[in-house]
Amino acid sequence: MGISEKSVWYKDYIRTTDDDKFILKHFIKDFLFQHRLRYMVYFRKAQTTKSRLVKAFCEYKLFRLCRKYGIEIKTQTKIGEGFVMCHPYNITVTPFAEIGRNVNIMKGATIGLSGGKRKGAPKIGDCVYIGINSTVLGGITIGNDVLIAPNTFVNCDVPDHSIVVGNPCNIIPRENATAEYIYYRV
């Protein structure tokens, strides 16, 4: 695992731990005691490795973490750098979703497929905060700088710079909607 400021997992590490630079001692401690960091390191390594053996090992570790913490994110999922799972328990993301940079996803969130009018998987922009127990379903587009409040059901397109609340979702335009929620942007 090469340490490079250009590595996607390194940018996830910076956002996850609030460290502004890589210190091996801190990384080892965080890797051992933070399953959200462990999950993302294995996830990114499985996506980027050319070795089938390393990929199989990472997939096995992801499977074990999935069973223990309920994190279901397949390595086929396109996720931008700076992805953070806050309180990572029972998070489900479809492999067909596309997630931008600097996205925070909270406990119990679901990003899934849908049939019907909005058939497909969501495309989520940059600097998006997905609150506790929120659900984002269907072939919809979530813009940049969007805050999805806790317990919100989103099945419609959301423009940039918005706050989304409730079920059915109510969209409130707001400049810098995620300014207080998305920290250490990469």
C-alpha atoms as a PDB file:
ATOM      1  CA  MET A   1       0.000   0.000   0.000  1.00  0.00           C
ATOM      2  CA  GLY A   2       1.878   3.043  -1.250  1.00  0.00           C
ATOM      3  CA  ILE A   3       1.464   6.243   0.723  1.00  0.00           C
ATOM      4  CA  SER A   4       0.844   9.100  -1.615  1.00  0.00           C
ATOM      5  CA  GLU A   5      -1.123  12.278  -1.224  1.00  0.00           C
ATOM      6  CA  LYS A   6      -2.656  11.395  -4.592  1.00  0.00           C
ATOM      7  CA  SER A   7      -4.083   8.097  -3.289  1.00  0.00           C
ATOM      8  CA  VAL A   8      -7.842   8.073  -2.946  1.00  0.00           C
ATOM      9  CA  TRP A   9      -7.688   6.069   0.303  1.00  0.00           C
ATOM     10  CA  TYR A  10      -5.292   8.672   1.710  1.00  0.00           C
ATOM     11  CA  LYS A  11      -7.869  11.413   1.077  1.00  0.00           C
ATOM     12  CA  ASP A  12     -10.515   9.249   2.760  1.00  0.00           C
ATOM     13  CA  TYR A  13      -8.077   8.857   5.678  1.00  0.00           C
ATOM     14  CA  ILE A  14      -7.570  12.626   5.985  1.00  0.00           C
ATOM     15  CA  ARG A  15     -11.336  13.242   6.103  1.00  0.00           C
ATOM     16  CA  THR A  16     -12.055  10.297   8.397  1.00  0.00           C
ATOM     17  CA  THR A  17      -9.428  11.022  11.049  1.00  0.00           C
ATOM     18  CA  ASP A  18      -9.032  14.819  10.863  1.00  0.00           C
ATOM     19  CA  ASP A  19      -5.254  14.374  10.574  1.00  0.00           C
ATOM     20  CA  ASP A  20      -3.832  16.851   8.091  1.00  0.00           C
ATOM     21  CA  LYS A  21      -0.834  14.661   7.273  1.00  0.00           C
ATOM     22  CA  PHE A  22       0.073  10.993   7.359  1.00  0.00           C
ATOM     23  CA  ILE A  23       1.737   9.802  10.565  1.00  0.00           C
ATOM     24  CA  LEU A  24       2.306   6.040  10.569  1.00  0.00           C
ATOM     25  CA  LYS A  25       1.710   5.646  14.315  1.00  0.00           C
ATOM     26  CA  HIS A  26      -1.646   7.463  14.046  1.00  0.00           C
ATOM     27  CA  PHE A  27      -2.622   5.483  10.962  1.00  0.00           C
ATOM     28  CA  ILE A  28      -1.946   2.133  12.638  1.00  0.00           C
ATOM     29  CA  LYS A  29      -3.956   3.130  15.730  1.00  0.00           C
ATOM     30  CA  ASP A  30      -6.824   4.451  13.607  1.00  0.00           C
ATOM     31  CA  PHE A  31      -6.751   1.412  11.301  1.00  0.00           C
ATOM     32  CA  LEU A  32      -6.971  -0.955  14.269  1.00  0.00           C
ATOM     33  CA  PHE A  33      -9.693   0.893  16.169  1.00  0.00           C
ATOM     34  CA  GLN A  34     -11.849   2.576  13.484  1.00  0.00           C
ATOM     35  CA  HIS A  35     -13.754   0.113  11.332  1.00  0.00           C
ATOM     36  CA  ARG A  36     -14.891   2.924   9.017  1.00  0.00           C
ATOM     37  CA  LEU A  37     -11.257   3.599   8.088  1.00  0.00           C
ATOM     38  CA  ARG A  38     -10.469  -0.103   7.801  1.00  0.00           C
ATOM     39  CA  TYR A  39     -13.466  -0.569   5.512  1.00  0.00           C
ATOM     40  CA  MET A  40     -12.433   2.279   3.192  1.00  0.00           C
ATOM     41  CA  VAL A  41      -8.785   1.167   2.988  1.00  0.00           C
ATOM     42  CA  TYR A  42      -9.830  -2.359   1.993  1.00  0.00           C
ATOM     43  CA  PHE A  43     -12.489  -0.946  -0.357  1.00  0.00           C
ATOM     44  CA  ARG A  44     -10.049   1.352  -2.186  1.00  0.00           C
ATOM     45  CA  LYS A  45      -7.329  -1.297  -2.334  1.00  0.00           C
ATOM     46  CA  ALA A  46      -9.767  -3.847  -3.806  1.00  0.00           C
ATOM     47  CA  GLN A  47     -10.758  -1.287  -6.452  1.00  0.00           C
ATOM     48  CA  THR A  48      -7.207  -0.368  -7.472  1.00  0.00           C
ATOM     49  CA  THR A  49      -5.116  -3.528  -7.133  1.00  0.00           C
ATOM     50  CA  LYS A  50      -4.143  -5.610 -10.128  1.00  0.00           C
ATOM     51  CA  SER A  51      -3.388  -8.652  -7.974  1.00  0.00           C
ATOM     52  CA  ARG A  52      -6.256 -11.133  -7.801  1.00  0.00           C
ATOM     53  CA  LEU A  53      -4.903 -12.445  -4.492  1.00  0.00           C
ATOM     54  CA  VAL A  54      -4.874  -8.984  -2.876  1.00  0.00           C
ATOM     55  CA  LYS A  55      -8.330  -8.259  -4.285  1.00  0.00           C
ATOM     56  CA  ALA A  56      -9.678 -11.547  -2.896  1.00  0.00           C
ATOM     57  CA  PHE A  57      -8.152 -10.788   0.527  1.00  0.00           C
ATOM     58  CA  CYS A  58      -9.665  -7.265   0.563  1.00  0.00           C
ATOM     59  CA  GLU A  59     -13.062  -8.607  -0.557  1.00  0.00           C
ATOM     60  CA  TYR A  60     -12.944 -11.169   2.248  1.00  0.00           C
ATOM     61  CA  LYS A  61     -12.136  -8.472   4.832  1.00  0.00           C
ATOM     62  CA  LEU A  62     -14.972  -6.311   3.456  1.00  0.00           C
ATOM     63  CA  PHE A  63     -17.346  -9.278   3.723  1.00  0.00           C
ATOM     64  CA  ARG A  64     -16.367  -9.771   7.383  1.00  0.00           C
ATOM     65  CA  LEU A  65     -16.848  -6.074   8.151  1.00  0.00           C
ATOM     66  CA  CYS A  66     -20.199  -6.161   6.339  1.00  0.00           C
ATOM     67  CA  ARG A  67     -21.416  -9.026   8.505  1.00  0.00           C
ATOM     68  CA  LYS A  68     -20.205  -7.397  11.701  1.00  0.00           C
ATOM     69  CA  TYR A  69     -21.326  -3.777  11.106  1.00  0.00           C
ATOM     70  CA  GLY A  70     -23.927  -4.015   8.344  1.00  0.00           C
ATOM     71  CA  ILE A  71     -21.973  -1.924   5.833  1.00  0.00           C
ATOM     72  CA  GLU A  72     -22.974  -3.077   2.355  1.00  0.00           C
ATOM     73  CA  ILE A  73     -20.977  -1.238  -0.286  1.00  0.00           C
ATOM     74  CA  LYS A  74     -19.698  -3.318  -3.197  1.00  0.00           C
ATOM     75  CA  THR A  75     -16.324  -2.502  -4.746  1.00  0.00           C
ATOM     76  CA  GLN A  76     -18.024  -1.868  -8.110  1.00  0.00           C
ATOM     77  CA  THR A  77     -19.614   1.284  -6.663  1.00  0.00           C
ATOM     78  CA  LYS A  78     -18.111   4.512  -8.012  1.00  0.00           C
ATOM     79  CA  ILE A  79     -17.226   6.674  -5.028  1.00  0.00           C
ATOM     80  CA  GLY A  80     -15.194   9.881  -5.237  1.00  0.00           C
ATOM     81  CA  GLU A  81     -12.340  10.731  -2.911  1.00  0.00           C
ATOM     82  CA  GLY A  82     -12.973  12.037   0.567  1.00  0.00           C
ATOM     83  CA  PHE A  83     -15.853   9.650   1.326  1.00  0.00           C
ATOM     84  CA  VAL A  84     -16.680   9.432   5.055  1.00  0.00           C
ATOM     85  CA  MET A  85     -19.038   7.074   6.843  1.00  0.00           C
ATOM     86  CA  CYS A  86     -19.969   8.695  10.147  1.00  0.00           C
ATOM     87  CA  HIS A  87     -21.155   6.148  12.718  1.00  0.00           C
ATOM     88  CA  PRO A  88     -20.905   3.382  10.094  1.00  0.00           C
ATOM     89  CA  TYR A  89     -23.585   0.870  10.937  1.00  0.00           C
ATOM     90  CA  ASN A  90     -26.273  -0.510   8.611  1.00  0.00           C
ATOM     91  CA  ILE A  91     -25.283   1.535   5.553  1.00  0.00           C
ATOM     92  CA  THR A  92     -26.398   0.136   2.192  1.00  0.00           C
ATOM     93  CA  VAL A  93     -25.279   1.441  -1.221  1.00  0.00           C
ATOM     94  CA  THR A  94     -26.199  -0.172  -4.531  1.00  0.00           C
ATOM     95  CA  PRO A  95     -23.231  -1.069  -6.757  1.00  0.00           C
ATOM     96  CA  PHE A  96     -24.802   1.008  -9.554  1.00  0.00           C
ATOM     97  CA  ALA A  97     -24.781   4.297  -7.633  1.00  0.00           C
ATOM     98  CA  GLU A  98     -22.307   7.070  -8.430  1.00  0.00           C
ATOM     99  CA  ILE A  99     -21.128   9.138  -5.486  1.00  0.00           C
ATOM    100  CA  GLY A 100     -19.074  12.333  -5.804  1.00  0.00           C
ATOM    101  CA  ARG A 101     -16.259  13.799  -3.721  1.00  0.00           C
ATOM    102  CA  ASN A 102     -16.450  14.824  -0.057  1.00  0.00           C
ATOM    103  CA  VAL A 103     -19.632  12.937   0.739  1.00  0.00           C
ATOM    104  CA  ASN A 104     -20.631  12.123   4.329  1.00  0.00           C
ATOM    105  CA  ILE A 105     -23.061   9.281   4.884  1.00  0.00           C
ATOM    106  CA  MET A 106     -24.544   8.563   8.275  1.00  0.00           C
ATOM    107  CA  LYS A 107     -25.755   5.485  10.126  1.00  0.00           C
ATOM    108  CA  GLY A 108     -28.716   3.634   8.637  1.00  0.00           C
ATOM    109  CA  ALA A 109     -28.604   5.413   5.259  1.00  0.00           C
ATOM    110  CA  THR A 110     -29.660   3.610   2.084  1.00  0.00           C
ATOM    111  CA  ILE A 111     -28.791   4.499  -1.506  1.00  0.00           C
ATOM    112  CA  GLY A 112     -30.665   2.085  -3.717  1.00  0.00           C
ATOM    113  CA  LEU A 113     -32.169   1.031  -7.014  1.00  0.00           C
ATOM    114  CA  SER A 114     -35.767   1.589  -7.943  1.00  0.00           C
ATOM    115  CA  GLY A 115     -38.155   0.637 -10.711  1.00  0.00           C
ATOM    116  CA  GLY A 116     -41.131   2.608 -11.919  1.00  0.00           C
ATOM    117  CA  LYS A 117     -40.880   6.204 -13.126  1.00  0.00           C
ATOM    118  CA  ARG A 118     -37.391   6.766 -11.751  1.00  0.00           C
ATOM    119  CA  LYS A 119     -35.832   3.441 -12.733  1.00  0.00           C
ATOM    120  CA  GLY A 120     -32.127   3.101 -11.937  1.00  0.00           C
ATOM    121  CA  ALA A 121     -29.611   4.187  -9.326  1.00  0.00           C
ATOM    122  CA  PRO A 122     -28.865   7.625  -7.867  1.00  0.00           C
ATOM    123  CA  LYS A 123     -26.057   9.932  -8.989  1.00  0.00           C
ATOM    124  CA  ILE A 124     -24.863  11.973  -6.063  1.00  0.00           C
ATOM    125  CA  GLY A 125     -22.787  15.129  -6.522  1.00  0.00           C
ATOM    126  CA  ASP A 126     -19.923  16.595  -4.515  1.00  0.00           C
ATOM    127  CA  CYS A 127     -20.145  17.830  -0.909  1.00  0.00           C
ATOM    128  CA  VAL A 128     -23.330  15.982  -0.003  1.00  0.00           C
ATOM    129  CA  TYR A 129     -24.362  15.104   3.536  1.00  0.00           C
ATOM    130  CA  ILE A 130     -26.733  12.123   3.840  1.00  0.00           C
ATOM    131  CA  GLY A 131     -28.364  12.077   7.292  1.00  0.00           C
ATOM    132  CA  ILE A 132     -29.185   9.247   9.662  1.00  0.00           C
ATOM    133  CA  ASN A 133     -31.738   6.716   8.325  1.00  0.00           C
ATOM    134  CA  SER A 134     -32.189   8.625   5.060  1.00  0.00           C
ATOM    135  CA  THR A 135     -33.148   6.807   1.884  1.00  0.00           C
ATOM    136  CA  VAL A 136     -32.164   7.910  -1.632  1.00  0.00           C
ATOM    137  CA  LEU A 137     -33.820   5.763  -4.320  1.00  0.00           C
ATOM    138  CA  GLY A 138     -34.092   5.590  -8.066  1.00  0.00           C
ATOM    139  CA  GLY A 139     -32.478   7.077 -11.141  1.00  0.00           C
ATOM    140  CA  ILE A 140     -32.263  10.544  -9.666  1.00  0.00           C
ATOM    141  CA  THR A 141     -29.572  13.200  -9.507  1.00  0.00           C
ATOM    142  CA  ILE A 142     -28.533  14.861  -6.274  1.00  0.00           C
ATOM    143  CA  GLY A 143     -26.653  18.105  -6.958  1.00  0.00           C
ATOM    144  CA  ASN A 144     -23.563  19.531  -5.274  1.00  0.00           C
ATOM    145  CA  ASP A 145     -23.702  21.063  -1.775  1.00  0.00           C
ATOM    146  CA  VAL A 146     -26.858  19.235  -0.699  1.00  0.00           C
ATOM    147  CA  LEU A 147     -27.829  18.349   2.858  1.00  0.00           C
ATOM    148  CA  ILE A 148     -30.269  15.452   3.189  1.00  0.00           C
ATOM    149  CA  ALA A 149     -31.774  15.650   6.667  1.00  0.00           C
ATOM    150  CA  PRO A 150     -32.218  12.602   8.916  1.00  0.00           C
ATOM    151  CA  ASN A 151     -35.144  10.269   8.125  1.00  0.00           C
ATOM    152  CA  THR A 152     -35.687  11.815   4.700  1.00  0.00           C
ATOM    153  CA  PHE A 153     -36.948   9.823   1.709  1.00  0.00           C
ATOM    154  CA  VAL A 154     -35.577  11.208  -1.570  1.00  0.00           C
ATOM    155  CA  ASN A 155     -36.944   9.943  -4.886  1.00  0.00           C
ATOM    156  CA  CYS A 156     -36.742  13.118  -6.994  1.00  0.00           C
ATOM    157  CA  ASP A 157     -33.939  15.217  -8.466  1.00  0.00           C
ATOM    158  CA  VAL A 158     -32.391  17.741  -6.072  1.00  0.00           C
ATOM    159  CA  PRO A 159     -30.697  20.904  -7.396  1.00  0.00           C
ATOM    160  CA  ASP A 160     -27.357  22.252  -6.155  1.00  0.00           C
ATOM    161  CA  HIS A 161     -27.253  24.182  -2.869  1.00  0.00           C
ATOM    162  CA  SER A 162     -30.311  22.646  -1.222  1.00  0.00           C
ATOM    163  CA  ILE A 163     -31.553  21.126   1.995  1.00  0.00           C
ATOM    164  CA  VAL A 164     -33.927  18.166   1.663  1.00  0.00           C
ATOM    165  CA  VAL A 165     -36.333  17.370   4.492  1.00  0.00           C
ATOM    166  CA  GLY A 166     -39.138  14.883   5.112  1.00  0.00           C
ATOM    167  CA  ASN A 167     -41.250  12.323   3.309  1.00  0.00           C
ATOM    168  CA  PRO A 168     -42.209  13.212   0.644  1.00  0.00           C
ATOM    169  CA  CYS A 169     -39.056  15.250   0.293  1.00  0.00           C
ATOM    170  CA  ASN A 170     -39.326  19.005   0.610  1.00  0.00           C
ATOM    171  CA  ILE A 171     -36.475  20.881  -1.113  1.00  0.00           C
ATOM    172  CA  ILE A 172     -35.317  24.146   0.462  1.00  0.00           C
ATOM    173  CA  PRO A 173     -32.777  26.234  -1.526  1.00  0.00           C
ATOM    174  CA  ARG A 174     -29.835  27.274   0.651  1.00  0.00           C
ATOM    175  CA  GLU A 175     -26.389  28.565  -0.309  1.00  0.00           C
ATOM    176  CA  ASN A 176     -23.589  26.714   1.519  1.00  0.00           C
ATOM    177  CA  ALA A 177     -26.044  24.096   2.751  1.00  0.00           C
ATOM    178  CA  THR A 178     -23.268  21.770   3.909  1.00  0.00           C
ATOM    179  CA  ALA A 179     -20.754  24.370   5.160  1.00  0.00           C
ATOM    180  CA  GLU A 180     -21.087  23.233   8.785  1.00  0.00           C
ATOM    181  CA  TYR A 181     -21.323  19.522   7.952  1.00  0.00           C
ATOM    182  CA  ILE A 182     -18.659  18.722   5.358  1.00  0.00           C
ATOM    183  CA  TYR A 183     -15.267  19.248   6.965  1.00  0.00           C
ATOM    184  CA  TYR A 184     -11.695  18.806   5.684  1.00  0.00           C
ATOM    185  CA  ARG A 185     -12.707  18.877   2.023  1.00  0.00           C
ATOM    186  CA  VAL A 186     -10.201  17.307  -0.363  1.00  0.00           C
END
